[in-house]
Amino acid sequence: MLEERLMEIRQLSHGKIAQMLEKGIHLPNPLTLDIGEEVDVDRISARNVTIYPGCRIYGERTVISSGARIGYEGPVTIENCQLGRDVELRGGYFSRSVFLDKSNMGLGAHVREASILEEEAGGAHCVGLKQTILFPFVTLGSLINFCDCLMAGGTSRKNHSEVGSSYIHFNFTPDGDKTTPSLIGNVPSGVMLNQPPIFLGGQGGMVGPIRMGFGTVVAAGSVLRGDCLDDNRLIIGESRSKGVREYVPALYPNLSRIVRNNIVYLANLAALGEWYVHVRKNFFEGVEFGSLIHAGLLDKLSMARKERLKRIQAMAERASRSENFHSGDENRFRGELGHNFHKILDIFQGNADKDFQADTHREKFLGELDRVMQGNPGGYVETIQALPAEVSSTGIKWLECVVSSFCRMASDAIPGVQIY
């Protein structure tokens, strides 16, 4: 009877579903699945993986690790995503993104390219992400649009950064710009998993690009339009006065701040890349599909960098052509931005000078990390949180040097913006 059933499935699905059943993957209703011919079944674990009815799995780069549960609340479409261990995607669409161990998304999720959910990060129902990076434990409520941002903070599932329900990160301007990436926390301190959580109250929003310190609490219903770099602050959003005024396209009254925040965001992506290459890689060794998931992380960071450079270059060109200048200084700055932007591209596309101070801190940190790993081998989160304070401090100095080095080079390329 089983042989006849397998033969029928082979005929209907070109053998992919049959291969999955033969591996021992749990498919409660296999005839309802659509598995792309390009999918490599060898990249789907045979250990405790369940794919519920109505799901679609596409993409030659798709990886599904042990313990994954896909489609429990509703049909799921996966396209070229890399899933770590015990990931739950309960319902929705997921494309060209990475989900590390125990991350999760609820019904109606829409997660698009260059998103990274690190360990135990996740969201409830109807959450939209694109070009979004969530550090471990970050939790999103329901009915949220949170594209083009990076969020850190928190130390556990009980002490985590959170975004309240019905929150939106405003990431598109009337001029058609998406130079709006927001840095909620930062990479150098955030990767140490020892910072106080950030709370963004529900029914609120954030007009990117914004930078925010750790431990910040934003009152529900607030719409943020400015930076708050200090840690441990309570923010109650200001109400906007009513009125009608003339709209001037490409005015960019806060152009220098927009450029500054974009450069700082790119510099933090560079620091995260250093962390993924020199630290994260060690924790993927010996893990099923570890090298593929690590490669997926680096690929998503590359996609994020290209997106940010493309968006800021388009804005720089538009701003430099605009005649809506405020002063001679503003005129010079806009011209300088457009004329010298190729230098920014060179800096962030791999042609930057090395920072030897960063290298010194890195080697010291990696040596101490190696000793901790040998004495107390464990998972990524447990190991990083077990680092002595002085070791974490060295790691922060390393990554801060990376960020400040990129910011300094960008400031030299465009002197009109003093960054960092």
Protein backbone atom coordinates (compact mmCIF):
# COMPACT_ATOMS: atom_id res chain seq x y z
CA MET A 1 0.00 0.00 0.00
CA LEU A 2 2.81 2.42 0.91
CA GLU A 3 4.66 1.61 -2.31
CA GLU A 4 1.57 2.38 -4.39
CA ARG A 5 1.10 5.69 -2.59
CA LEU A 6 4.73 6.66 -3.16
CA MET A 7 4.41 5.82 -6.85
CA GLU A 8 1.34 8.04 -7.15
CA ILE A 9 3.12 10.92 -5.40
CA ARG A 10 6.16 10.55 -7.65
CA GLN A 11 3.97 10.91 -10.70
CA LEU A 12 2.22 14.01 -9.32
CA SER A 13 5.24 15.92 -7.98
CA HIS A 14 8.22 14.72 -10.01
CA GLY A 15 9.52 12.76 -7.06
CA LYS A 16 10.30 15.65 -4.66
CA ILE A 17 7.55 14.87 -2.17
CA ALA A 18 8.33 11.17 -2.36
CA GLN A 19 11.97 11.90 -1.54
CA MET A 20 10.87 13.92 1.48
CA LEU A 21 8.64 11.12 2.73
CA GLU A 22 11.40 8.61 2.24
CA LYS A 23 13.74 10.79 4.34
CA GLY A 24 11.24 10.75 7.18
CA ILE A 25 10.03 14.36 6.92
CA HIS A 26 6.57 14.64 8.46
CA LEU A 27 4.06 15.69 5.80
CA PRO A 28 0.51 15.24 7.21
CA ASN A 29 -1.09 15.71 3.78
CA PRO A 30 1.65 15.50 1.13
CA LEU A 31 -0.61 15.76 -1.91
CA THR A 32 -1.47 19.37 -0.95
CA LEU A 33 2.16 20.53 -1.14
CA ASP A 34 3.94 22.20 -4.05
CA ILE A 35 7.69 21.58 -4.04
CA GLY A 36 9.68 23.33 -6.75
CA GLU A 37 11.70 21.12 -9.06
CA GLU A 38 14.77 23.22 -8.19
CA VAL A 39 14.51 22.48 -4.46
CA ASP A 40 17.35 20.34 -3.11
CA VAL A 41 15.71 17.85 -0.74
CA ASP A 42 19.14 17.11 0.75
CA ARG A 43 18.97 20.61 2.24
CA ILE A 44 15.86 19.72 4.24
CA SER A 45 16.60 17.93 7.51
CA ALA A 46 15.10 14.53 8.23
CA ARG A 47 14.94 15.28 11.97
CA ASN A 48 11.61 16.44 13.40
CA VAL A 49 10.64 18.63 10.45
CA THR A 50 6.90 19.06 9.87
CA ILE A 51 5.44 20.75 6.80
CA TYR A 52 1.68 21.15 7.13
CA PRO A 53 -0.89 21.06 4.29
CA GLY A 54 -1.04 23.74 1.63
CA CYS A 55 2.60 24.85 1.81
CA ARG A 56 4.86 25.78 -1.12
CA ILE A 57 8.64 25.34 -1.00
CA TYR A 58 10.67 26.97 -3.78
CA GLY A 59 14.26 27.93 -4.49
CA GLU A 60 17.54 26.09 -4.99
CA ARG A 61 19.01 27.90 -1.95
CA THR A 62 16.27 26.94 0.48
CA VAL A 63 17.51 25.28 3.68
CA ILE A 64 15.25 23.84 6.38
CA SER A 65 16.97 22.60 9.54
CA SER A 66 15.86 20.13 12.19
CA GLY A 67 12.82 20.84 14.32
CA ALA A 68 11.23 23.27 11.85
CA ARG A 69 7.43 23.56 11.88
CA ILE A 70 6.03 25.17 8.75
CA GLY A 71 2.42 26.16 8.13
CA TYR A 72 0.70 25.14 11.37
CA GLU A 73 -1.65 28.17 11.37
CA GLY A 74 -2.02 28.55 7.61
CA PRO A 75 -0.30 27.92 4.28
CA VAL A 76 3.34 29.02 3.99
CA THR A 77 5.35 29.94 0.90
CA ILE A 78 9.13 29.72 1.28
CA GLU A 79 11.41 31.00 -1.47
CA ASN A 80 15.20 30.76 -1.09
CA CYS A 81 15.22 31.14 2.69
CA GLN A 82 17.63 29.57 5.15
CA LEU A 83 16.03 28.23 8.34
CA GLY A 84 17.98 27.29 11.45
CA ARG A 85 16.93 24.76 14.06
CA ASP A 86 13.44 24.77 15.63
CA VAL A 87 12.18 27.65 13.50
CA GLU A 88 8.40 28.13 13.30
CA LEU A 89 6.84 29.85 10.31
CA ARG A 90 3.16 29.53 11.10
CA GLY A 91 1.64 31.13 8.00
CA GLY A 92 2.55 33.61 5.27
CA TYR A 93 5.14 34.43 2.62
CA PHE A 94 8.91 34.29 3.22
CA SER A 95 11.47 35.19 0.57
CA ARG A 96 15.28 35.47 0.51
CA SER A 97 15.64 35.80 4.27
CA VAL A 98 17.38 34.00 7.13
CA PHE A 99 15.74 32.66 10.30
CA LEU A 100 18.14 31.50 13.00
CA ASP A 101 17.41 28.99 15.77
CA LYS A 102 14.01 29.23 17.45
CA SER A 103 12.94 32.34 15.56
CA ASN A 104 9.27 32.44 14.62
CA MET A 105 6.57 34.31 12.71
CA GLY A 106 2.79 34.09 13.05
CA LEU A 107 -0.06 33.81 10.56
CA GLY A 108 -0.18 36.36 7.75
CA ALA A 109 3.52 37.23 7.88
CA HIS A 110 5.10 38.84 4.81
CA VAL A 111 8.88 38.68 5.08
CA ARG A 112 10.83 39.75 2.01
CA GLU A 113 14.44 40.00 0.91
CA ALA A 114 17.44 40.74 3.10
CA SER A 115 15.64 40.15 6.39
CA ILE A 116 17.47 38.39 9.21
CA LEU A 117 15.78 37.11 12.37
CA GLU A 118 18.39 36.00 14.87
CA GLU A 119 17.83 33.53 17.70
CA GLU A 120 14.35 33.57 19.27
CA ALA A 121 13.34 36.76 17.48
CA GLY A 122 9.85 36.78 16.03
CA GLY A 123 6.49 38.34 15.43
CA ALA A 124 2.80 37.65 15.95
CA HIS A 125 0.21 37.70 13.15
CA CYS A 126 0.22 40.02 10.12
CA VAL A 127 3.77 41.39 10.32
CA GLY A 128 5.52 42.82 7.25
CA LEU A 129 9.32 42.89 7.06
CA LYS A 130 11.80 43.76 4.31
CA GLN A 131 15.46 44.66 4.71
CA THR A 132 14.91 44.14 8.45
CA ILE A 133 17.43 42.76 10.96
CA LEU A 134 16.24 41.65 14.40
CA PHE A 135 18.81 40.66 17.01
CA PRO A 136 18.09 37.79 19.43
CA PHE A 137 14.86 37.93 21.44
CA VAL A 138 13.40 41.00 19.65
CA THR A 139 9.64 40.54 19.54
CA LEU A 140 7.09 42.21 17.26
CA GLY A 141 3.39 42.35 18.06
CA SER A 142 0.57 42.06 15.52
CA LEU A 143 -0.38 44.20 12.53
CA ILE A 144 3.08 45.74 12.11
CA ASN A 145 5.02 47.11 9.14
CA PHE A 146 8.68 47.23 10.13
CA CYS A 147 10.79 47.43 6.97
CA ASP A 148 14.27 48.96 6.55
CA CYS A 149 15.54 48.90 10.12
CA LEU A 150 17.80 47.09 12.57
CA MET A 151 16.71 46.49 16.16
CA ALA A 152 18.78 45.19 19.07
CA GLY A 153 18.51 45.09 22.86
CA GLY A 154 17.38 42.63 25.51
CA THR A 155 18.92 39.63 27.22
CA SER A 156 16.28 36.88 27.11
CA ARG A 157 12.75 35.97 26.09
CA LYS A 158 11.55 37.57 29.33
CA ASN A 159 13.67 40.71 28.95
CA HIS A 160 13.44 41.53 25.27
CA SER A 161 13.08 44.52 22.99
CA GLU A 162 9.53 44.78 21.76
CA VAL A 163 7.44 46.60 19.18
CA GLY A 164 3.79 47.04 20.12
CA SER A 165 0.93 46.07 17.87
CA SER A 166 -0.17 48.35 15.02
CA TYR A 167 3.27 49.95 14.72
CA ILE A 168 4.75 51.24 11.48
CA HIS A 169 8.23 52.25 10.45
CA PHE A 170 7.58 54.92 7.82
CA ASN A 171 10.16 54.16 5.16
CA PHE A 172 9.01 55.97 2.01
CA THR A 173 8.89 59.73 1.45
CA PRO A 174 6.66 61.87 -0.81
CA ASP A 175 9.72 62.38 -3.04
CA GLY A 176 9.98 58.64 -3.57
CA ASP A 177 13.06 58.19 -1.38
CA LYS A 178 13.81 55.18 0.79
CA THR A 179 16.88 56.64 2.47
CA THR A 180 15.11 55.80 5.69
CA PRO A 181 16.94 53.00 7.57
CA SER A 182 16.54 53.28 11.32
CA LEU A 183 19.07 52.01 13.84
CA ILE A 184 17.25 51.01 17.02
CA GLY A 185 20.13 50.27 19.37
CA ASN A 186 23.38 49.54 17.56
CA VAL A 187 25.60 46.68 16.43
CA PRO A 188 28.77 47.03 18.58
CA SER A 189 26.95 46.83 21.92
CA GLY A 190 23.91 44.95 20.66
CA VAL A 191 25.77 41.81 19.61
CA MET A 192 26.98 41.31 23.19
CA LEU A 193 23.39 40.51 24.22
CA ASN A 194 23.73 42.40 27.49
CA GLN A 195 21.97 45.68 26.77
CA PRO A 196 18.64 46.84 28.25
CA PRO A 197 15.63 46.30 26.00
CA ILE A 198 13.95 48.94 23.87
CA PHE A 199 10.17 49.30 23.88
CA LEU A 200 8.19 50.94 21.08
CA GLY A 201 4.61 51.41 22.24
CA GLY A 202 1.74 50.21 20.06
CA GLN A 203 -0.42 52.34 17.79
CA GLY A 204 2.72 54.36 17.03
CA GLY A 205 5.28 54.94 14.35
CA MET A 206 8.76 56.06 13.45
CA VAL A 207 9.69 58.28 10.50
CA GLY A 208 13.03 56.95 9.31
CA PRO A 209 15.92 57.40 9.37
CA ILE A 210 16.10 57.47 13.17
CA ARG A 211 18.77 56.43 15.66
CA MET A 212 17.83 55.36 19.17
CA GLY A 213 19.70 54.37 22.33
CA PHE A 214 19.25 51.22 24.42
CA GLY A 215 16.74 51.12 27.24
CA THR A 216 14.47 53.63 25.52
CA VAL A 217 10.73 53.43 26.15
CA VAL A 218 8.40 55.14 23.67
CA ALA A 219 4.87 55.83 24.86
CA ALA A 220 2.02 54.19 22.96
CA GLY A 221 0.57 56.31 20.18
CA SER A 222 3.77 58.30 19.63
CA VAL A 223 5.13 59.03 16.17
CA LEU A 224 8.88 59.71 16.31
CA ARG A 225 10.53 62.12 13.89
CA GLY A 226 13.91 62.68 15.51
CA ASP A 227 16.86 60.84 17.02
CA CYS A 228 17.26 59.91 20.67
CA LEU A 229 20.86 58.75 21.06
CA ASP A 230 20.92 58.71 24.87
CA ASP A 231 20.14 55.45 26.66
CA ASN A 232 17.32 54.86 29.13
CA ARG A 233 14.94 57.60 28.03
CA LEU A 234 11.14 57.84 28.07
CA ILE A 235 9.78 59.44 24.91
CA ILE A 236 6.29 60.84 24.58
CA GLY A 237 5.69 61.87 21.00
CA GLU A 238 4.71 65.44 20.24
CA SER A 239 1.41 66.15 18.55
CA ARG A 240 1.61 67.83 15.16
CA SER A 241 -0.14 71.15 14.63
CA LYS A 242 -2.86 71.16 12.01
CA GLY A 243 -2.57 73.24 8.88
CA VAL A 244 -2.07 73.41 5.15
CA ARG A 245 1.12 74.75 3.62
CA GLU A 246 2.93 74.67 0.31
CA TYR A 247 4.64 71.40 -0.55
CA VAL A 248 8.06 71.81 -2.16
CA PRO A 249 9.46 68.65 -3.81
CA ALA A 250 13.06 67.63 -3.07
CA LEU A 251 13.35 70.30 -0.37
CA TYR A 252 15.23 68.03 2.07
CA PRO A 253 15.33 70.44 5.02
CA ASN A 254 17.23 67.85 7.10
CA LEU A 255 19.50 66.55 4.35
CA SER A 256 22.70 66.41 6.41
CA ARG A 257 20.96 64.41 9.15
CA ILE A 258 19.50 62.00 6.58
CA VAL A 259 22.92 61.43 5.04
CA ARG A 260 24.55 61.07 8.45
CA ASN A 261 22.08 58.45 9.65
CA ASN A 262 22.40 56.47 6.41
CA ILE A 263 26.19 56.44 6.70
CA VAL A 264 26.03 55.33 10.33
CA TYR A 265 23.59 52.57 9.37
CA LEU A 266 25.91 51.36 6.60
CA ALA A 267 28.85 51.46 9.03
CA ASN A 268 26.89 49.31 11.48
CA LEU A 269 26.15 46.81 8.70
CA ALA A 270 29.90 46.67 8.07
CA ALA A 271 30.50 45.95 11.75
CA LEU A 272 27.84 43.23 11.70
CA GLY A 273 29.58 41.70 8.69
CA GLU A 274 32.83 41.59 10.67
CA TRP A 275 30.99 39.90 13.53
CA TYR A 276 29.40 37.32 11.22
CA VAL A 277 32.72 36.52 9.54
CA HIS A 278 34.96 36.33 12.60
CA VAL A 279 32.59 35.26 15.40
CA ARG A 280 29.38 33.76 14.08
CA LYS A 281 31.14 31.40 11.69
CA ASN A 282 32.67 29.41 14.55
CA PHE A 283 29.24 28.54 15.92
CA PHE A 284 28.01 27.11 12.61
CA GLU A 285 30.85 24.59 12.35
CA GLY A 286 29.63 21.06 12.93
CA VAL A 287 25.97 22.12 12.74
CA GLU A 288 23.75 20.56 10.08
CA PHE A 289 23.61 23.00 7.14
CA GLY A 290 25.71 25.41 9.19
CA SER A 291 27.88 26.56 6.30
CA LEU A 292 24.82 27.15 4.12
CA ILE A 293 23.08 29.23 6.81
CA HIS A 294 26.24 31.24 7.45
CA ALA A 295 26.56 31.90 3.72
CA GLY A 296 22.92 33.01 3.76
CA LEU A 297 23.66 35.55 6.50
CA LEU A 298 26.52 37.08 4.53
CA ASP A 299 24.40 37.13 1.39
CA LYS A 300 21.59 39.01 3.15
CA LEU A 301 24.05 41.55 4.56
CA SER A 302 25.42 42.10 1.07
CA MET A 303 21.90 42.64 -0.22
CA ALA A 304 21.21 45.11 2.61
CA ARG A 305 24.37 47.11 1.84
CA LYS A 306 23.57 47.29 -1.88
CA GLU A 307 20.02 48.45 -1.12
CA ARG A 308 21.16 51.22 1.20
CA LEU A 309 23.80 52.47 -1.24
CA LYS A 310 21.34 52.43 -4.11
CA ARG A 311 18.78 54.42 -2.16
CA ILE A 312 21.16 57.06 -0.83
CA GLN A 313 22.80 57.48 -4.24
CA ALA A 314 19.41 58.14 -5.85
CA MET A 315 18.61 60.75 -3.20
CA ALA A 316 22.03 62.39 -3.55
CA GLU A 317 21.54 62.76 -7.29
CA ARG A 318 18.03 64.18 -6.85
CA ALA A 319 19.11 66.59 -4.12
CA SER A 320 22.09 67.85 -6.13
CA ARG A 321 19.83 68.64 -9.10
CA SER A 322 17.17 70.40 -7.05
CA GLU A 323 16.98 74.19 -7.19
CA ASN A 324 15.14 74.42 -3.87
CA PHE A 325 18.21 75.41 -1.88
CA HIS A 326 18.13 77.36 1.35
CA SER A 327 21.50 79.08 1.30
CA GLY A 328 24.88 79.15 -0.34
CA ASP A 329 26.21 76.63 2.20
CA GLU A 330 23.34 74.28 1.50
CA ASN A 331 23.92 74.69 -2.22
CA ARG A 332 27.58 73.77 -1.82
CA PHE A 333 26.76 70.78 0.35
CA ARG A 334 24.29 69.36 -2.13
CA GLY A 335 26.70 69.81 -5.00
CA GLU A 336 29.45 68.20 -2.94
CA LEU A 337 27.20 65.28 -2.07
CA GLY A 338 26.34 64.58 -5.70
CA HIS A 339 29.88 65.11 -6.98
CA ASN A 340 31.65 63.00 -4.36
CA PHE A 341 29.17 60.20 -3.84
CA HIS A 342 31.31 57.80 -5.87
CA LYS A 343 33.77 57.97 -2.96
CA ILE A 344 31.06 56.71 -0.60
CA LEU A 345 30.45 53.80 -2.96
CA ASP A 346 34.15 52.95 -2.94
CA ILE A 347 34.28 53.06 0.86
CA PHE A 348 31.40 50.65 1.38
CA GLN A 349 32.06 48.36 -1.57
CA GLY A 350 35.27 46.97 -0.17
CA ASN A 351 37.85 49.57 -1.11
CA ALA A 352 38.23 51.12 2.34
CA ASP A 353 41.55 51.30 4.17
CA LYS A 354 42.03 48.88 7.07
CA ASP A 355 41.75 50.16 10.62
CA PHE A 356 44.72 48.70 12.47
CA GLN A 357 43.33 49.67 15.86
CA ALA A 358 40.21 47.63 15.07
CA ASP A 359 42.41 44.70 14.08
CA THR A 360 44.25 44.87 17.42
CA HIS A 361 41.01 44.83 19.42
CA ARG A 362 39.61 42.07 17.21
CA GLU A 363 42.54 39.73 17.71
CA LYS A 364 42.49 40.28 21.47
CA PHE A 365 38.75 39.65 21.62
CA LEU A 366 38.88 36.54 19.44
CA GLY A 367 41.66 35.09 21.56
CA GLU A 368 39.62 35.57 24.74
CA LEU A 369 36.49 34.22 23.04
CA ASP A 370 38.36 31.10 21.96
CA ARG A 371 39.46 30.46 25.54
CA VAL A 372 35.88 30.82 26.79
CA MET A 373 34.58 28.47 24.10
CA GLN A 374 37.17 25.82 24.95
CA GLY A 375 36.43 25.99 28.66
CA ASN A 376 32.66 26.04 28.37
CA PRO A 377 31.45 24.93 24.93
CA GLY A 378 27.89 25.92 24.25
CA GLY A 379 25.59 27.65 21.82
CA TYR A 380 26.02 31.15 20.45
CA VAL A 381 23.72 32.98 22.87
CA GLU A 382 24.98 31.16 25.96
CA THR A 383 28.63 31.72 25.04
CA ILE A 384 28.33 35.42 24.24
CA GLN A 385 26.37 36.10 27.42
CA ALA A 386 28.95 34.18 29.47
CA LEU A 387 31.81 36.45 28.37
CA PRO A 388 33.45 38.40 31.21
CA ALA A 389 32.70 42.12 31.15
CA GLU A 390 36.25 43.03 30.14
CA VAL A 391 36.10 40.66 27.17
CA SER A 392 32.76 42.07 26.01
CA SER A 393 34.22 45.55 26.37
CA THR A 394 37.10 44.61 24.07
CA GLY A 395 34.64 43.27 21.51
CA ILE A 396 32.63 46.48 21.66
CA LYS A 397 35.80 48.53 21.13
CA TRP A 398 36.63 46.43 18.08
CA LEU A 399 33.26 46.94 16.43
CA GLU A 400 33.08 50.61 17.44
CA CYS A 401 36.43 51.10 15.69
CA VAL A 402 34.94 49.53 12.57
CA VAL A 403 31.93 51.85 12.69
CA SER A 404 33.94 54.99 13.46
CA SER A 405 36.49 54.16 10.75
CA PHE A 406 33.80 53.99 8.06
CA CYS A 407 32.15 57.14 9.38
CA ARG A 408 35.45 59.01 9.41
CA MET A 409 36.21 58.04 5.82
CA ALA A 410 32.72 59.11 4.75
CA SER A 411 33.17 62.46 6.51
CA ASP A 412 36.43 62.98 4.67
CA ALA A 413 34.69 62.22 1.38
CA ILE A 414 31.82 64.63 2.11
CA PRO A 415 33.16 67.25 4.55
CA GLY A 416 29.75 68.91 4.84
CA VAL A 417 28.54 66.07 7.04
CA GLN A 418 30.22 65.51 10.38
CA ILE A 419 29.41 61.92 11.25
CA TYR A 420 29.52 60.17 14.61
